[in-house]
Protein backbone atom coordinates (compact mmCIF):
# COMPACT_ATOMS: atom_id res chain seq x y z
CA UNK A 1 34.80 99.51 -51.24
CA UNK A 2 32.84 101.96 -49.16
CA UNK A 3 31.55 101.20 -45.70
CA UNK A 4 27.98 100.01 -46.19
CA UNK A 5 25.46 97.54 -44.86
CA UNK A 6 27.23 94.52 -46.33
CA UNK A 7 30.43 95.36 -44.47
CA UNK A 8 28.57 94.91 -41.21
CA UNK A 9 28.78 91.20 -41.93
CA UNK A 10 32.32 91.38 -40.59
CA UNK A 11 30.96 92.38 -37.21
CA UNK A 12 29.26 90.17 -34.68
CA UNK A 13 25.55 90.71 -34.14
CA UNK A 14 26.20 92.26 -30.74
CA UNK A 15 28.65 94.73 -32.29
CA UNK A 16 25.94 95.84 -34.67
CA UNK A 17 23.82 96.48 -31.58
CA UNK A 18 26.51 98.71 -30.09
CA UNK A 19 26.50 100.76 -33.27
CA UNK A 20 22.81 101.40 -32.67
CA UNK A 21 23.86 103.63 -29.78
CA UNK A 22 25.40 106.07 -32.22
CA UNK A 23 22.16 106.47 -34.07
CA UNK A 24 20.09 106.61 -30.91
CA UNK A 25 22.07 109.32 -29.20
CA UNK A 26 21.90 111.65 -32.16
CA UNK A 27 18.52 111.03 -33.74
CA UNK A 28 15.61 113.37 -33.82
CA UNK A 29 14.15 116.35 -35.61
CA UNK A 30 13.52 119.62 -33.70
CA UNK A 31 10.44 119.40 -31.49
CA UNK A 32 8.09 122.16 -30.45
CA UNK A 33 9.24 122.05 -26.86
CA UNK A 34 10.66 124.77 -24.66
CA UNK A 35 13.75 122.72 -23.82
CA UNK A 36 14.75 119.71 -25.88
CA UNK A 37 17.59 117.70 -24.33
CA UNK A 38 18.23 115.74 -27.52
CA UNK A 39 18.63 118.89 -29.59
CA UNK A 40 20.96 120.35 -26.96
CA UNK A 41 23.20 117.27 -27.22
CA UNK A 42 23.31 117.72 -30.98
CA UNK A 43 24.31 121.37 -30.54
CA UNK A 44 27.18 120.45 -28.20
CA UNK A 45 28.58 117.96 -30.70
CA UNK A 46 28.24 120.42 -33.56
CA UNK A 47 30.43 122.82 -31.61
CA UNK A 48 33.22 120.30 -31.06
CA UNK A 49 32.36 118.49 -27.82
CA UNK A 50 32.85 114.73 -27.57
CA UNK A 51 30.37 112.62 -25.62
CA UNK A 52 32.14 109.91 -23.61
CA UNK A 53 30.42 107.08 -21.70
CA UNK A 54 30.62 103.54 -20.41
CA UNK A 55 27.81 101.25 -21.48
CA UNK A 56 26.24 97.92 -20.56
CA UNK A 57 24.41 96.29 -23.42
CA UNK A 58 21.85 93.46 -23.52
CA UNK A 59 20.56 91.78 -26.68
CA UNK A 60 17.54 89.42 -26.63
CA UNK A 61 17.07 87.17 -29.66
CA UNK A 62 13.41 87.12 -30.70
CA UNK A 63 13.51 83.52 -31.94
CA UNK A 64 15.59 81.73 -29.29
CA UNK A 65 15.08 84.22 -26.43
CA UNK A 66 18.81 83.86 -25.86
CA UNK A 67 20.30 86.88 -24.08
CA UNK A 68 23.81 88.15 -24.71
CA UNK A 69 25.50 90.89 -22.70
CA UNK A 70 28.49 93.09 -23.27
CA UNK A 71 30.06 96.27 -22.01
CA UNK A 72 32.53 98.85 -23.19
CA UNK A 73 33.28 102.48 -23.87
CA UNK A 74 31.92 104.86 -26.50
CA UNK A 75 32.96 108.29 -27.78
CA UNK A 76 30.83 110.35 -30.16
CA UNK A 77 31.94 113.46 -32.02
CA UNK A 78 30.86 115.38 -35.10
CA UNK A 79 30.89 112.83 -37.97
CA UNK A 80 33.16 110.63 -35.84
CA UNK A 81 32.81 107.83 -33.34
CA UNK A 82 34.79 105.22 -31.46
CA UNK A 83 33.58 102.06 -29.70
CA UNK A 84 35.82 99.83 -27.57
CA UNK A 85 34.94 96.43 -26.12
CA UNK A 86 37.01 93.50 -24.95
CA UNK A 87 37.04 91.99 -28.44
CA UNK A 88 36.90 94.95 -30.81
CA UNK A 89 37.71 98.58 -31.47
CA UNK A 90 35.67 100.41 -34.13
CA UNK A 91 36.85 103.85 -35.22
CA UNK A 92 35.25 106.14 -37.82
CA UNK A 93 36.95 109.50 -38.45
CA UNK A 94 34.65 110.76 -41.19
CA UNK A 95 36.82 109.51 -44.04
CA UNK A 96 37.84 105.98 -43.09
CA UNK A 97 36.35 103.14 -41.05
CA UNK A 98 38.82 100.95 -39.16
CA UNK A 99 37.85 97.84 -37.21
CA UNK A 100 40.34 96.01 -34.99
CA UNK A 101 39.54 92.42 -34.07
CA UNK A 102 41.66 92.06 -30.94
CA UNK A 103 41.40 88.29 -30.72
CA UNK A 104 42.56 87.73 -34.32
CA UNK A 105 44.88 90.75 -34.36
CA UNK A 106 43.26 91.81 -37.62
CA UNK A 107 42.34 95.28 -38.90
CA UNK A 108 39.76 95.98 -41.63
CA UNK A 109 40.04 99.37 -43.34
CA UNK A 110 37.46 100.81 -45.72
CA UNK A 111 36.49 104.13 -47.22
CA UNK A 112 33.66 105.71 -45.31
CA UNK A 113 30.48 107.23 -46.71
CA UNK A 114 28.08 108.48 -44.07
CA UNK A 115 25.13 108.30 -46.46
CA UNK A 116 25.58 104.52 -46.65
CA UNK A 117 26.10 104.05 -42.93
CA UNK A 118 22.86 103.38 -41.05
CA UNK A 119 24.59 104.47 -37.85
CA UNK A 120 26.29 107.70 -38.94
CA UNK A 121 25.81 110.71 -36.64
CA UNK A 122 26.33 113.00 -39.63
CA UNK A 123 23.50 111.27 -41.46
CA UNK A 124 21.16 112.22 -38.64
CA UNK A 125 22.27 115.71 -37.62
CA UNK A 126 23.59 116.82 -41.01
CA UNK A 127 20.17 117.28 -42.58
CA UNK A 128 19.66 113.73 -43.85
CA UNK A 129 17.89 112.33 -40.82
CA UNK A 130 14.51 111.61 -42.37
CA UNK A 131 14.50 107.87 -41.74
CA UNK A 132 13.64 108.13 -38.04
CA UNK A 133 11.04 110.46 -36.60
CA UNK A 134 10.18 111.40 -33.04
CA UNK A 135 6.59 110.30 -32.48
CA UNK A 136 6.28 110.92 -28.75
CA UNK A 137 8.13 112.78 -25.98
CA UNK A 138 7.63 112.40 -22.24
CA UNK A 139 9.10 114.42 -19.38
CA UNK A 140 9.43 112.95 -15.90
CA UNK A 141 11.77 113.32 -12.91
CA UNK A 142 14.27 115.60 -14.69
CA UNK A 143 14.49 113.34 -17.71
CA UNK A 144 13.08 113.42 -21.22
CA UNK A 145 12.14 110.23 -23.08
CA UNK A 146 12.07 110.29 -26.88
CA UNK A 147 10.20 107.57 -28.76
CA UNK A 148 11.18 107.16 -32.41
CA UNK A 149 9.91 105.12 -35.34
CA UNK A 150 11.39 104.37 -38.74
CA UNK A 151 9.66 105.28 -41.99
CA UNK A 152 12.11 103.16 -44.05
CA UNK A 153 11.24 99.48 -44.52
CA UNK A 154 14.96 98.74 -45.04
CA UNK A 155 16.25 100.50 -41.93
CA UNK A 156 17.92 98.48 -39.20
CA UNK A 157 15.64 99.50 -36.36
CA UNK A 158 11.87 99.73 -36.20
CA UNK A 159 11.47 101.54 -32.89
CA UNK A 160 13.73 103.28 -30.38
CA UNK A 161 13.35 104.92 -27.02
CA UNK A 162 15.99 107.19 -25.49
CA UNK A 163 16.07 108.76 -22.03
CA UNK A 164 18.25 111.83 -21.36
CA UNK A 165 18.61 113.63 -18.03
CA UNK A 166 18.70 117.37 -17.37
CA UNK A 167 22.53 117.35 -17.41
CA UNK A 168 22.30 116.22 -21.05
CA UNK A 169 23.54 112.76 -20.17
CA UNK A 170 21.97 109.72 -21.86
CA UNK A 171 20.48 107.38 -19.25
CA UNK A 172 19.42 104.38 -21.31
CA UNK A 173 18.34 103.24 -24.74
CA UNK A 174 15.94 100.51 -25.84
CA UNK A 175 15.38 99.43 -29.43
CA UNK A 176 13.42 96.93 -31.51
CA UNK A 177 14.91 95.88 -34.84
CA UNK A 178 13.11 94.65 -37.93
CA UNK A 179 13.58 91.06 -36.78
CA UNK A 180 11.78 91.81 -33.47
CA UNK A 181 15.06 91.42 -31.53
CA UNK A 182 15.23 93.68 -28.48
CA UNK A 183 18.15 95.72 -27.19
CA UNK A 184 18.63 97.53 -23.92
CA UNK A 185 21.65 99.70 -23.14
CA UNK A 186 22.40 101.67 -19.99
CA UNK A 187 25.04 104.40 -19.73
CA UNK A 188 27.31 105.46 -16.87
CA UNK A 189 30.21 107.84 -16.31
CA UNK A 190 28.83 110.11 -19.02
CA UNK A 191 30.82 113.27 -19.64
CA UNK A 192 31.77 115.74 -22.37
CA UNK A 193 35.37 116.11 -23.53
CA UNK A 194 37.14 118.76 -25.56
CA UNK A 195 37.71 118.03 -29.22
CA UNK A 196 40.53 115.54 -29.88
CA UNK A 197 41.56 114.28 -33.32
CA UNK A 198 43.76 111.56 -31.81
CA UNK A 199 40.76 109.88 -30.25
CA UNK A 200 39.36 109.01 -33.66
CA UNK A 201 42.54 107.43 -35.00
CA UNK A 202 43.31 103.74 -34.59
CA UNK A 203 46.79 102.64 -33.59
CA UNK A 204 47.38 99.40 -35.49
CA UNK A 205 49.09 96.77 -33.30
CA UNK A 206 52.45 95.39 -34.38
CA UNK A 207 52.11 92.29 -36.54
CA UNK A 208 48.39 92.79 -37.18
CA UNK A 209 46.87 91.42 -40.38
CA UNK A 210 45.54 94.33 -42.43
CA UNK A 211 42.63 93.92 -44.85
CA UNK A 212 42.30 97.11 -46.88
CA UNK A 213 38.91 97.14 -48.62
CA UNK A 214 39.77 100.32 -50.52
CA UNK A 215 41.78 98.36 -53.04
CA UNK A 216 39.41 95.45 -53.64
């Protein structure tokens, strides 16, 4: 089974929100601007750099107004990403998706197809990023803010807003999904690393239960 929307049912709702960061950091078509921070980030990743950051994430349920918060680390490379939180590690290396549930000591493995992953960086910067479009850009205090909207009624997110500073470091991200739930994520300790294949491999803990979706 390939990694697709239905597989996200294995993740908690807040984990799905973390995955929105991957889309948000890499979205956007070229704009007619002299300097476009978002495009420059894309260029760095294309040439092998890995974006590393700590994040604090807040999710507000539209119906109950309940707020959940989480924090963790994220790494983004070309067609690859890794997200670590207290409860989970999610690793995509371009061919396989591996999700470690730390509390249950369980790993889910599946074949990966970027075209069926709403959150795939390669889907956005590899020429397939027609779902989201930049509708407005604002420059202020050495930052650029990109406002995006979805043209796909089945996409996960309706609107997004990303701020990036002049050092090409994401500052924060806000998003509104199709259920009117709101997300706000701030980034810290942002830096760029050299390419590393080991970063996008998951070390399976001893005794972990392994669910391999490739053979089901």
